[in-house]
Amino acid sequence: MHILRWIRMLLVVCGFMPPPSWSSPVKKFLYNIYTVFVLL
């Protein structure tokens, strides 16, 4: 559904839902750092 893809996009931008394609440990680690930055 398009609207749910929109929601996922917003959550990805805000650091609260990693992209499904980012499956490697390095990308997940970098995204977690970005999440911490947004929270801070």
PDB file of all heavy atoms in Angstrom:
ATOM      1  N   MET A   1       0.845  -1.195   0.000  1.00  0.00           N
ATOM      2  CA  MET A   1       0.000   0.000   0.000  1.00  0.00           C
ATOM      3  C   MET A   1       0.879   1.244   0.000  1.00  0.00           C
ATOM      4  O   MET A   1       1.832   1.328   0.759  1.00  0.00           O
ATOM      5  CB  MET A   1      -0.931  -0.011   1.207  1.00  0.00           C
ATOM      6  CG  MET A   1      -2.042  -1.051   1.117  1.00  0.00           C
ATOM      7  SD  MET A   1      -3.093  -1.019   2.562  1.00  0.00           S
ATOM      8  CE  MET A   1      -2.027  -1.746   3.756  1.00  0.00           C
ATOM      9  N   HIS A   2       0.512   2.198  -0.830  1.00  0.00           N
ATOM     10  CA  HIS A   2       1.353   3.376  -1.013  1.00  0.00           C
ATOM     11  C   HIS A   2       1.496   4.158   0.277  1.00  0.00           C
ATOM     12  O   HIS A   2       2.601   4.613   0.623  1.00  0.00           O
ATOM     13  CB  HIS A   2       0.746   4.252  -2.102  1.00  0.00           C
ATOM     14  CG  HIS A   2       1.521   5.506  -2.339  1.00  0.00           C
ATOM     15  ND1 HIS A   2       2.744   5.512  -2.973  1.00  0.00           N
ATOM     16  CD2 HIS A   2       1.272   6.798  -1.990  1.00  0.00           C
ATOM     17  CE1 HIS A   2       3.205   6.754  -3.032  1.00  0.00           C
ATOM     18  NE2 HIS A   2       2.339   7.542  -2.439  1.00  0.00           N
ATOM     19  N   ILE A   3       0.390   4.339   1.012  1.00  0.00           N
ATOM     20  CA  ILE A   3       0.464   5.169   2.202  1.00  0.00           C
ATOM     21  C   ILE A   3       1.353   4.537   3.264  1.00  0.00           C
ATOM     22  O   ILE A   3       2.076   5.206   3.979  1.00  0.00           O
ATOM     23  CB  ILE A   3      -0.957   5.439   2.768  1.00  0.00           C
ATOM     24  CG1 ILE A   3      -0.876   6.402   3.950  1.00  0.00           C
ATOM     25  CG2 ILE A   3      -1.634   4.145   3.177  1.00  0.00           C
ATOM     26  CD1 ILE A   3      -0.290   7.739   3.596  1.00  0.00           C
ATOM     27  N   LEU A   4       1.369   3.195   3.357  1.00  0.00           N
ATOM     28  CA  LEU A   4       2.248   2.547   4.310  1.00  0.00           C
ATOM     29  C   LEU A   4       3.703   2.641   3.871  1.00  0.00           C
ATOM     30  O   LEU A   4       4.598   2.648   4.702  1.00  0.00           O
ATOM     31  CB  LEU A   4       1.813   1.097   4.513  1.00  0.00           C
ATOM     32  CG  LEU A   4       0.426   0.929   5.146  1.00  0.00           C
ATOM     33  CD1 LEU A   4       0.142  -0.529   5.435  1.00  0.00           C
ATOM     34  CD2 LEU A   4       0.292   1.748   6.418  1.00  0.00           C
ATOM     35  N   ARG A   5       3.943   2.683   2.590  1.00  0.00           N
ATOM     36  CA  ARG A   5       5.310   2.932   2.115  1.00  0.00           C
ATOM     37  C   ARG A   5       5.750   4.351   2.491  1.00  0.00           C
ATOM     38  O   ARG A   5       6.918   4.582   2.808  1.00  0.00           O
ATOM     39  CB  ARG A   5       5.387   2.726   0.604  1.00  0.00           C
ATOM     40  CG  ARG A   5       5.298   1.270   0.179  1.00  0.00           C
ATOM     41  CD  ARG A   5       5.881   1.072  -1.210  1.00  0.00           C
ATOM     42  NE  ARG A   5       5.143   1.821  -2.221  1.00  0.00           N
ATOM     43  CZ  ARG A   5       4.120   1.325  -2.911  1.00  0.00           C
ATOM     44  NH1 ARG A   5       3.699   0.087  -2.680  1.00  0.00           N
ATOM     45  NH2 ARG A   5       3.505   2.046  -3.825  1.00  0.00           N
ATOM     46  N   TRP A   6       4.809   5.306   2.428  1.00  0.00           N
ATOM     47  CA  TRP A   6       5.100   6.680   2.850  1.00  0.00           C
ATOM     48  C   TRP A   6       5.499   6.693   4.330  1.00  0.00           C
ATOM     49  O   TRP A   6       6.460   7.348   4.733  1.00  0.00           O
ATOM     50  CB  TRP A   6       3.867   7.553   2.595  1.00  0.00           C
ATOM     51  CG  TRP A   6       3.979   8.950   3.113  1.00  0.00           C
ATOM     52  CD1 TRP A   6       4.144   9.338   4.415  1.00  0.00           C
ATOM     53  CD2 TRP A   6       3.938  10.172   2.359  1.00  0.00           C
ATOM     54  NE1 TRP A   6       4.202  10.700   4.518  1.00  0.00           N
ATOM     55  CE2 TRP A   6       4.074  11.239   3.267  1.00  0.00           C
ATOM     56  CE3 TRP A   6       3.788  10.445   1.007  1.00  0.00           C
ATOM     57  CZ2 TRP A   6       4.052  12.557   2.862  1.00  0.00           C
ATOM     58  CZ3 TRP A   6       3.772  11.777   0.613  1.00  0.00           C
ATOM     59  CH2 TRP A   6       3.905  12.814   1.531  1.00  0.00           C
ATOM     60  N   ILE A   7       4.752   5.965   5.148  1.00  0.00           N
ATOM     61  CA  ILE A   7       5.049   5.908   6.580  1.00  0.00           C
ATOM     62  C   ILE A   7       6.430   5.312   6.814  1.00  0.00           C
ATOM     63  O   ILE A   7       7.225   5.831   7.604  1.00  0.00           O
ATOM     64  CB  ILE A   7       3.981   5.077   7.312  1.00  0.00           C
ATOM     65  CG1 ILE A   7       2.631   5.782   7.251  1.00  0.00           C
ATOM     66  CG2 ILE A   7       4.367   4.847   8.768  1.00  0.00           C
ATOM     67  CD1 ILE A   7       1.480   4.923   7.689  1.00  0.00           C
ATOM     68  N   ARG A   8       6.714   4.217   6.122  1.00  0.00           N
ATOM     69  CA  ARG A   8       8.036   3.598   6.265  1.00  0.00           C
ATOM     70  C   ARG A   8       9.148   4.566   5.862  1.00  0.00           C
ATOM     71  O   ARG A   8      10.201   4.613   6.496  1.00  0.00           O
ATOM     72  CB  ARG A   8       8.103   2.326   5.425  1.00  0.00           C
ATOM     73  CG  ARG A   8       7.278   1.171   5.978  1.00  0.00           C
ATOM     74  CD  ARG A   8       7.586  -0.115   5.241  1.00  0.00           C
ATOM     75  NE  ARG A   8       6.842  -1.228   5.795  1.00  0.00           N
ATOM     76  CZ  ARG A   8       5.699  -1.691   5.306  1.00  0.00           C
ATOM     77  NH1 ARG A   8       5.173  -1.114   4.237  1.00  0.00           N
ATOM     78  NH2 ARG A   8       5.078  -2.711   5.856  1.00  0.00           N
ATOM     79  N   MET A   9       8.897   5.343   4.797  1.00  0.00           N
ATOM     80  CA  MET A   9       9.903   6.301   4.350  1.00  0.00           C
ATOM     81  C   MET A   9      10.170   7.342   5.429  1.00  0.00           C
ATOM     82  O   MET A   9      11.325   7.675   5.724  1.00  0.00           O
ATOM     83  CB  MET A   9       9.437   6.983   3.058  1.00  0.00           C
ATOM     84  CG  MET A   9      10.441   7.984   2.503  1.00  0.00           C
ATOM     85  SD  MET A   9       9.739   9.052   1.238  1.00  0.00           S
ATOM     86  CE  MET A   9       8.638  10.077   2.221  1.00  0.00           C
ATOM     87  N   LEU A  10       9.099   7.866   6.057  1.00  0.00           N
ATOM     88  CA  LEU A  10       9.273   8.856   7.125  1.00  0.00           C
ATOM     89  C   LEU A  10      10.022   8.252   8.308  1.00  0.00           C
ATOM     90  O   LEU A  10      10.906   8.893   8.894  1.00  0.00           O
ATOM     91  CB  LEU A  10       7.912   9.379   7.580  1.00  0.00           C
ATOM     92  CG  LEU A  10       7.192  10.355   6.652  1.00  0.00           C
ATOM     93  CD1 LEU A  10       5.824  10.719   7.230  1.00  0.00           C
ATOM     94  CD2 LEU A  10       8.014  11.614   6.437  1.00  0.00           C
ATOM     95  N   LEU A  11       9.682   7.019   8.657  1.00  0.00           N
ATOM     96  CA  LEU A  11      10.343   6.370   9.783  1.00  0.00           C
ATOM     97  C   LEU A  11      11.809   6.085   9.474  1.00  0.00           C
ATOM     98  O   LEU A  11      12.669   6.173  10.362  1.00  0.00           O
ATOM     99  CB  LEU A  11       9.609   5.074  10.142  1.00  0.00           C
ATOM    100  CG  LEU A  11       8.217   5.260  10.750  1.00  0.00           C
ATOM    101  CD1 LEU A  11       7.512   3.917  10.905  1.00  0.00           C
ATOM    102  CD2 LEU A  11       8.290   5.966  12.100  1.00  0.00           C
ATOM    103  N   VAL A  12      12.100   5.742   8.223  1.00  0.00           N
ATOM    104  CA  VAL A  12      13.500   5.533   7.821  1.00  0.00           C
ATOM    105  C   VAL A  12      14.278   6.836   7.932  1.00  0.00           C
ATOM    106  O   VAL A  12      15.398   6.871   8.462  1.00  0.00           O
ATOM    107  CB  VAL A  12      13.567   4.975   6.385  1.00  0.00           C
ATOM    108  CG1 VAL A  12      14.989   5.062   5.840  1.00  0.00           C
ATOM    109  CG2 VAL A  12      13.097   3.525   6.345  1.00  0.00           C
ATOM    110  N   VAL A  13      13.701   7.936   7.438  1.00  0.00           N
ATOM    111  CA  VAL A  13      14.367   9.239   7.491  1.00  0.00           C
ATOM    112  C   VAL A  13      14.632   9.658   8.931  1.00  0.00           C
ATOM    113  O   VAL A  13      15.681  10.235   9.243  1.00  0.00           O
ATOM    114  CB  VAL A  13      13.512  10.296   6.761  1.00  0.00           C
ATOM    115  CG1 VAL A  13      14.050  11.697   7.014  1.00  0.00           C
ATOM    116  CG2 VAL A  13      13.471  10.014   5.264  1.00  0.00           C
ATOM    117  N   CYS A  14      13.696   9.339   9.829  1.00  0.00           N
ATOM    118  CA  CYS A  14      13.834   9.743  11.225  1.00  0.00           C
ATOM    119  C   CYS A  14      14.663   8.765  12.053  1.00  0.00           C
ATOM    120  O   CYS A  14      14.869   8.989  13.251  1.00  0.00           O
ATOM    121  CB  CYS A  14      12.451   9.892  11.859  1.00  0.00           C
ATOM    122  SG  CYS A  14      11.465  11.213  11.142  1.00  0.00           S
ATOM    123  N   GLY A  15      15.119   7.674  11.442  1.00  0.00           N
ATOM    124  CA  GLY A  15      15.976   6.731  12.145  1.00  0.00           C
ATOM    125  C   GLY A  15      15.253   5.720  12.995  1.00  0.00           C
ATOM    126  O   GLY A  15      15.859   5.121  13.893  1.00  0.00           O
ATOM    127  N   PHE A  16      13.959   5.494  12.715  1.00  0.00           N
ATOM    128  CA  PHE A  16      13.175   4.615  13.580  1.00  0.00           C
ATOM    129  C   PHE A  16      12.738   3.316  12.906  1.00  0.00           C
ATOM    130  O   PHE A  16      12.034   2.521  13.529  1.00  0.00           O
ATOM    131  CB  PHE A  16      11.953   5.377  14.116  1.00  0.00           C
ATOM    132  CG  PHE A  16      12.292   6.262  15.272  1.00  0.00           C
ATOM    133  CD1 PHE A  16      13.141   7.339  15.099  1.00  0.00           C
ATOM    134  CD2 PHE A  16      11.798   6.013  16.530  1.00  0.00           C
ATOM    135  CE1 PHE A  16      13.481   8.158  16.155  1.00  0.00           C
ATOM    136  CE2 PHE A  16      12.123   6.820  17.603  1.00  0.00           C
ATOM    137  CZ  PHE A  16      12.967   7.903  17.411  1.00  0.00           C
ATOM    138  N   MET A  17      13.131   3.097  11.673  1.00  0.00           N
ATOM    139  CA  MET A  17      12.848   1.827  11.007  1.00  0.00           C
ATOM    140  C   MET A  17      13.879   1.633   9.904  1.00  0.00           C
ATOM    141  O   MET A  17      13.807   2.293   8.868  1.00  0.00           O
ATOM    142  CB  MET A  17      11.431   1.784  10.436  1.00  0.00           C
ATOM    143  CG  MET A  17      11.062   0.449   9.807  1.00  0.00           C
ATOM    144  SD  MET A  17       9.296   0.346   9.385  1.00  0.00           S
ATOM    145  CE  MET A  17       8.600   0.145  11.027  1.00  0.00           C
ATOM    146  N   PRO A  18      14.845   0.745  10.100  1.00  0.00           N
ATOM    147  CA  PRO A  18      15.903   0.573   9.091  1.00  0.00           C
ATOM    148  C   PRO A  18      15.345   0.043   7.776  1.00  0.00           C
ATOM    149  O   PRO A  18      14.401  -0.747   7.771  1.00  0.00           O
ATOM    150  CB  PRO A  18      16.847  -0.447   9.747  1.00  0.00           C
ATOM    151  CG  PRO A  18      16.020  -1.153  10.761  1.00  0.00           C
ATOM    152  CD  PRO A  18      15.008  -0.165  11.244  1.00  0.00           C
ATOM    153  N   PRO A  19      15.900   0.458   6.652  1.00  0.00           N
ATOM    154  CA  PRO A  19      15.442  -0.060   5.358  1.00  0.00           C
ATOM    155  C   PRO A  19      15.630  -1.573   5.288  1.00  0.00           C
ATOM    156  O   PRO A  19      16.630  -2.097   5.784  1.00  0.00           O
ATOM    157  CB  PRO A  19      16.352   0.660   4.348  1.00  0.00           C
ATOM    158  CG  PRO A  19      16.891   1.844   5.072  1.00  0.00           C
ATOM    159  CD  PRO A  19      16.974   1.451   6.516  1.00  0.00           C
ATOM    160  N   PRO A  20      14.681  -2.302   4.687  1.00  0.00           N
ATOM    161  CA  PRO A  20      14.806  -3.771   4.595  1.00  0.00           C
ATOM    162  C   PRO A  20      16.067  -4.216   3.871  1.00  0.00           C
ATOM    163  O   PRO A  20      16.603  -5.294   4.151  1.00  0.00           O
ATOM    164  CB  PRO A  20      13.552  -4.175   3.815  1.00  0.00           C
ATOM    165  CG  PRO A  20      12.589  -3.055   4.009  1.00  0.00           C
ATOM    166  CD  PRO A  20      13.419  -1.820   4.114  1.00  0.00           C
ATOM    167  N   SER A  21      16.552  -3.396   2.940  1.00  0.00           N
ATOM    168  CA  SER A  21      17.739  -3.768   2.167  1.00  0.00           C
ATOM    169  C   SER A  21      19.031  -3.673   2.977  1.00  0.00           C
ATOM    170  O   SER A  21      20.056  -4.212   2.582  1.00  0.00           O
ATOM    171  CB  SER A  21      17.856  -2.895   0.917  1.00  0.00           C
ATOM    172  OG  SER A  21      17.946  -1.524   1.266  1.00  0.00           O
ATOM    173  N   TRP A  22      18.966  -2.978   4.108  1.00  0.00           N
ATOM    174  CA  TRP A  22      20.158  -2.817   4.949  1.00  0.00           C
ATOM    175  C   TRP A  22      20.271  -4.008   5.901  1.00  0.00           C
ATOM    176  O   TRP A  22      19.964  -3.902   7.085  1.00  0.00           O
ATOM    177  CB  TRP A  22      20.095  -1.510   5.726  1.00  0.00           C
ATOM    178  CG  TRP A  22      20.353  -0.298   4.879  1.00  0.00           C
ATOM    179  CD1 TRP A  22      20.156  -0.182   3.543  1.00  0.00           C
ATOM    180  CD2 TRP A  22      20.859   0.957   5.313  1.00  0.00           C
ATOM    181  NE1 TRP A  22      20.497   1.069   3.105  1.00  0.00           N
ATOM    182  CE2 TRP A  22      20.935   1.798   4.179  1.00  0.00           C
ATOM    183  CE3 TRP A  22      21.256   1.464   6.550  1.00  0.00           C
ATOM    184  CZ2 TRP A  22      21.381   3.100   4.250  1.00  0.00           C
ATOM    185  CZ3 TRP A  22      21.704   2.775   6.623  1.00  0.00           C
ATOM    186  CH2 TRP A  22      21.769   3.579   5.484  1.00  0.00           C
ATOM    187  N   SER A  23      20.716  -5.124   5.375  1.00  0.00           N
ATOM    188  CA  SER A  23      20.792  -6.348   6.175  1.00  0.00           C
ATOM    189  C   SER A  23      22.197  -6.617   6.732  1.00  0.00           C
ATOM    190  O   SER A  23      22.354  -7.430   7.637  1.00  0.00           O
ATOM    191  CB  SER A  23      20.350  -7.551   5.332  1.00  0.00           C
ATOM    192  OG  SER A  23      21.134  -7.646   4.142  1.00  0.00           O
ATOM    193  N   SER A  24      23.192  -5.925   6.224  1.00  0.00           N
ATOM    194  CA  SER A  24      24.566  -6.174   6.693  1.00  0.00           C
ATOM    195  C   SER A  24      24.766  -5.580   8.091  1.00  0.00           C
ATOM    196  O   SER A  24      24.164  -4.555   8.436  1.00  0.00           O
ATOM    197  CB  SER A  24      25.575  -5.568   5.722  1.00  0.00           C
ATOM    198  OG  SER A  24      25.503  -4.154   5.739  1.00  0.00           O
ATOM    199  N   PRO A  25      25.594  -6.205   8.924  1.00  0.00           N
ATOM    200  CA  PRO A  25      25.841  -5.697  10.287  1.00  0.00           C
ATOM    201  C   PRO A  25      26.376  -4.270  10.309  1.00  0.00           C
ATOM    202  O   PRO A  25      26.054  -3.492  11.201  1.00  0.00           O
ATOM    203  CB  PRO A  25      26.859  -6.693  10.848  1.00  0.00           C
ATOM    204  CG  PRO A  25      26.673  -7.942  10.050  1.00  0.00           C
ATOM    205  CD  PRO A  25      26.286  -7.470   8.669  1.00  0.00           C
ATOM    206  N   VAL A  26      27.221  -3.923   9.330  1.00  0.00           N
ATOM    207  CA  VAL A  26      27.809  -2.580   9.301  1.00  0.00           C
ATOM    208  C   VAL A  26      26.717  -1.526   9.083  1.00  0.00           C
ATOM    209  O   VAL A  26      26.678  -0.505   9.773  1.00  0.00           O
ATOM    210  CB  VAL A  26      28.883  -2.479   8.192  1.00  0.00           C
ATOM    211  CG1 VAL A  26      29.405  -1.049   8.087  1.00  0.00           C
ATOM    212  CG2 VAL A  26      30.023  -3.439   8.460  1.00  0.00           C
ATOM    213  N   LYS A  27      25.827  -1.779   8.122  1.00  0.00           N
ATOM    214  CA  LYS A  27      24.752  -0.825   7.844  1.00  0.00           C
ATOM    215  C   LYS A  27      23.797  -0.716   9.030  1.00  0.00           C
ATOM    216  O   LYS A  27      23.332   0.383   9.364  1.00  0.00           O
ATOM    217  CB  LYS A  27      23.995  -1.239   6.587  1.00  0.00           C
ATOM    218  CG  LYS A  27      24.790  -1.055   5.296  1.00  0.00           C
ATOM    219  CD  LYS A  27      23.962  -1.409   4.081  1.00  0.00           C
ATOM    220  CE  LYS A  27      24.742  -1.163   2.792  1.00  0.00           C
ATOM    221  NZ  LYS A  27      23.936  -1.505   1.586  1.00  0.00           N
ATOM    222  N   LYS A  28      23.500  -1.838   9.670  1.00  0.00           N
ATOM    223  CA  LYS A  28      22.634  -1.802  10.843  1.00  0.00           C
ATOM    224  C   LYS A  28      23.281  -1.003  11.969  1.00  0.00           C
ATOM    225  O   LYS A  28      22.609  -0.227  12.673  1.00  0.00           O
ATOM    226  CB  LYS A  28      22.328  -3.221  11.319  1.00  0.00           C
ATOM    227  CG  LYS A  28      21.365  -3.987  10.422  1.00  0.00           C
ATOM    228  CD  LYS A  28      21.069  -5.368  11.007  1.00  0.00           C
ATOM    229  CE  LYS A  28      20.061  -6.105  10.140  1.00  0.00           C
ATOM    230  NZ  LYS A  28      19.762  -7.456  10.687  1.00  0.00           N
ATOM    231  N   PHE A  29      24.590  -1.170  12.152  1.00  0.00           N
ATOM    232  CA  PHE A  29      25.304  -0.432  13.192  1.00  0.00           C
ATOM    233  C   PHE A  29      25.278   1.073  12.916  1.00  0.00           C
ATOM    234  O   PHE A  29      25.022   1.875  13.821  1.00  0.00           O
ATOM    235  CB  PHE A  29      26.746  -0.934  13.274  1.00  0.00           C
ATOM    236  CG  PHE A  29      27.594  -0.178  14.257  1.00  0.00           C
ATOM    237  CD1 PHE A  29      27.438  -0.357  15.625  1.00  0.00           C
ATOM    238  CD2 PHE A  29      28.564   0.726  13.807  1.00  0.00           C
ATOM    239  CE1 PHE A  29      28.213   0.354  16.526  1.00  0.00           C
ATOM    240  CE2 PHE A  29      29.338   1.437  14.705  1.00  0.00           C
ATOM    241  CZ  PHE A  29      29.162   1.250  16.065  1.00  0.00           C
ATOM    242  N   LEU A  30      25.531   1.446  11.665  1.00  0.00           N
ATOM    243  CA  LEU A  30      25.499   2.864  11.294  1.00  0.00           C
ATOM    244  C   LEU A  30      24.102   3.452  11.472  1.00  0.00           C
ATOM    245  O   LEU A  30      23.953   4.595  11.922  1.00  0.00           O
ATOM    246  CB  LEU A  30      25.966   3.037   9.846  1.00  0.00           C
ATOM    247  CG  LEU A  30      27.440   2.725   9.565  1.00  0.00           C
ATOM    248  CD1 LEU A  30      27.730   2.825   8.069  1.00  0.00           C
ATOM    249  CD2 LEU A  30      28.348   3.672  10.349  1.00  0.00           C
ATOM    250  N   TYR A  31      23.081   2.664  11.135  1.00  0.00           N
ATOM    251  CA  TYR A  31      21.706   3.162  11.288  1.00  0.00           C
ATOM    252  C   TYR A  31      21.350   3.315  12.771  1.00  0.00           C
ATOM    253  O   TYR A  31      20.654   4.268  13.148  1.00  0.00           O
ATOM    254  CB  TYR A  31      20.724   2.209  10.615  1.00  0.00           C
ATOM    255  CG  TYR A  31      19.343   2.810  10.454  1.00  0.00           C
ATOM    256  CD1 TYR A  31      19.054   3.680   9.407  1.00  0.00           C
ATOM    257  CD2 TYR A  31      18.341   2.519  11.377  1.00  0.00           C
ATOM    258  CE1 TYR A  31      17.795   4.246   9.278  1.00  0.00           C
ATOM    259  CE2 TYR A  31      17.084   3.082  11.250  1.00  0.00           C
ATOM    260  CZ  TYR A  31      16.805   3.939  10.198  1.00  0.00           C
ATOM    261  OH  TYR A  31      15.563   4.505  10.079  1.00  0.00           O
ATOM    262  N   ASN A  32      21.842   2.411  13.614  1.00  0.00           N
ATOM    263  CA  ASN A  32      21.598   2.542  15.053  1.00  0.00           C
ATOM    264  C   ASN A  32      22.260   3.792  15.616  1.00  0.00           C
ATOM    265  O   ASN A  32      21.708   4.459  16.511  1.00  0.00           O
ATOM    266  CB  ASN A  32      22.109   1.301  15.787  1.00  0.00           C
ATOM    267  CG  ASN A  32      21.234   0.085  15.535  1.00  0.00           C
ATOM    268  OD1 ASN A  32      20.046   0.214  15.247  1.00  0.00           O
ATOM    269  ND2 ASN A  32      21.821  -1.103  15.632  1.00  0.00           N
ATOM    270  N   ILE A  33      23.441   4.126  15.096  1.00  0.00           N
ATOM    271  CA  ILE A  33      24.099   5.375  15.506  1.00  0.00           C
ATOM    272  C   ILE A  33      23.241   6.575  15.106  1.00  0.00           C
ATOM    273  O   ILE A  33      23.083   7.541  15.876  1.00  0.00           O
ATOM    274  CB  ILE A  33      25.511   5.467  14.882  1.00  0.00           C
ATOM    275  CG1 ILE A  33      26.427   4.396  15.472  1.00  0.00           C
ATOM    276  CG2 ILE A  33      26.104   6.861  15.096  1.00  0.00           C
ATOM    277  CD1 ILE A  33      27.820   4.367  14.865  1.00  0.00           C
ATOM    278  N   TYR A  34      22.680   6.516  13.906  1.00  0.00           N
ATOM    279  CA  TYR A  34      21.812   7.605  13.445  1.00  0.00           C
ATOM    280  C   TYR A  34      20.572   7.718  14.326  1.00  0.00           C
ATOM    281  O   TYR A  34      20.132   8.826  14.654  1.00  0.00           O
ATOM    282  CB  TYR A  34      21.419   7.345  11.996  1.00  0.00           C
ATOM    283  CG  TYR A  34      20.459   8.367  11.426  1.00  0.00           C
ATOM    284  CD1 TYR A  34      20.805   9.714  11.331  1.00  0.00           C
ATOM    285  CD2 TYR A  34      19.194   7.989  10.977  1.00  0.00           C
ATOM    286  CE1 TYR A  34      19.933  10.649  10.808  1.00  0.00           C
ATOM    287  CE2 TYR A  34      18.312   8.909  10.454  1.00  0.00           C
ATOM    288  CZ  TYR A  34      18.684  10.240  10.373  1.00  0.00           C
ATOM    289  OH  TYR A  34      17.806  11.158   9.860  1.00  0.00           O
ATOM    290  N   THR A  35      20.019   6.582  14.747  1.00  0.00           N
ATOM    291  CA  THR A  35      18.858   6.588  15.641  1.00  0.00           C
ATOM    292  C   THR A  35      19.196   7.263  16.963  1.00  0.00           C
ATOM    293  O   THR A  35      18.422   8.081  17.482  1.00  0.00           O
ATOM    294  CB  THR A  35      18.375   5.151  15.897  1.00  0.00           C
ATOM    295  OG1 THR A  35      18.042   4.521  14.658  1.00  0.00           O
ATOM    296  CG2 THR A  35      17.153   5.152  16.801  1.00  0.00           C
ATOM    297  N   VAL A  36      20.360   6.931  17.511  1.00  0.00           N
ATOM    298  CA  VAL A  36      20.807   7.554  18.764  1.00  0.00           C
ATOM    299  C   VAL A  36      20.986   9.060  18.583  1.00  0.00           C
ATOM    300  O   VAL A  36      20.615   9.859  19.467  1.00  0.00           O
ATOM    301  CB  VAL A  36      22.117   6.906  19.253  1.00  0.00           C
ATOM    302  CG1 VAL A  36      22.678   7.663  20.454  1.00  0.00           C
ATOM    303  CG2 VAL A  36      21.886   5.445  19.608  1.00  0.00           C
ATOM    304  N   PHE A  37      21.512   9.467  17.425  1.00  0.00           N
ATOM    305  CA  PHE A  37      21.690  10.894  17.146  1.00  0.00           C
ATOM    306  C   PHE A  37      20.342  11.625  17.145  1.00  0.00           C
ATOM    307  O   PHE A  37      20.205  12.710  17.734  1.00  0.00           O
ATOM    308  CB  PHE A  37      22.375  11.070  15.791  1.00  0.00           C
ATOM    309  CG  PHE A  37      22.295  12.471  15.238  1.00  0.00           C
ATOM    310  CD1 PHE A  37      23.083  13.481  15.749  1.00  0.00           C
ATOM    311  CD2 PHE A  37      21.403  12.773  14.206  1.00  0.00           C
ATOM    312  CE1 PHE A  37      23.004  14.778  15.247  1.00  0.00           C
ATOM    313  CE2 PHE A  37      21.314  14.058  13.699  1.00  0.00           C
ATOM    314  CZ  PHE A  37      22.115  15.067  14.222  1.00  0.00           C
ATOM    315  N   VAL A  38      19.336  11.032  16.507  1.00  0.00           N
ATOM    316  CA  VAL A  38      18.004  11.651  16.463  1.00  0.00           C
ATOM    317  C   VAL A  38      17.417  11.755  17.864  1.00  0.00           C
ATOM    318  O   VAL A  38      16.863  12.802  18.251  1.00  0.00           O
ATOM    319  CB  VAL A  38      17.062  10.854  15.538  1.00  0.00           C
ATOM    320  CG1 VAL A  38      15.637  11.396  15.619  1.00  0.00           C
ATOM    321  CG2 VAL A  38      17.554  10.907  14.094  1.00  0.00           C
ATOM    322  N   LEU A  39      17.538  10.699  18.643  1.00  0.00           N
ATOM    323  CA  LEU A  39      17.023  10.727  20.015  1.00  0.00           C
ATOM    324  C   LEU A  39      17.718  11.798  20.847  1.00  0.00           C
ATOM    325  O   LEU A  39      17.075  12.517  21.624  1.00  0.00           O
ATOM    326  CB  LEU A  39      17.214   9.356  20.667  1.00  0.00           C
ATOM    327  CG  LEU A  39      16.323   8.224  20.160  1.00  0.00           C
ATOM    328  CD1 LEU A  39      16.738   6.899  20.770  1.00  0.00           C
ATOM    329  CD2 LEU A  39      14.856   8.509  20.458  1.00  0.00           C
ATOM    330  N   LEU A  40      19.033  11.910  20.679  1.00  0.00           N
ATOM    331  CA  LEU A  40      19.780  12.911  21.447  1.00  0.00           C
ATOM    332  C   LEU A  40      19.365  14.325  21.083  1.00  0.00           C
ATOM    333  O   LEU A  40      19.154  15.174  21.961  1.00  0.00           O
ATOM    334  CB  LEU A  40      21.286  12.739  21.201  1.00  0.00           C
ATOM    335  CG  LEU A  40      21.975  11.597  21.949  1.00  0.00           C
ATOM    336  CD1 LEU A  40      23.427  11.478  21.515  1.00  0.00           C
ATOM    337  CD2 LEU A  40      21.880  11.813  23.455  1.00  0.00           C
TER     338      LEU A  40
END
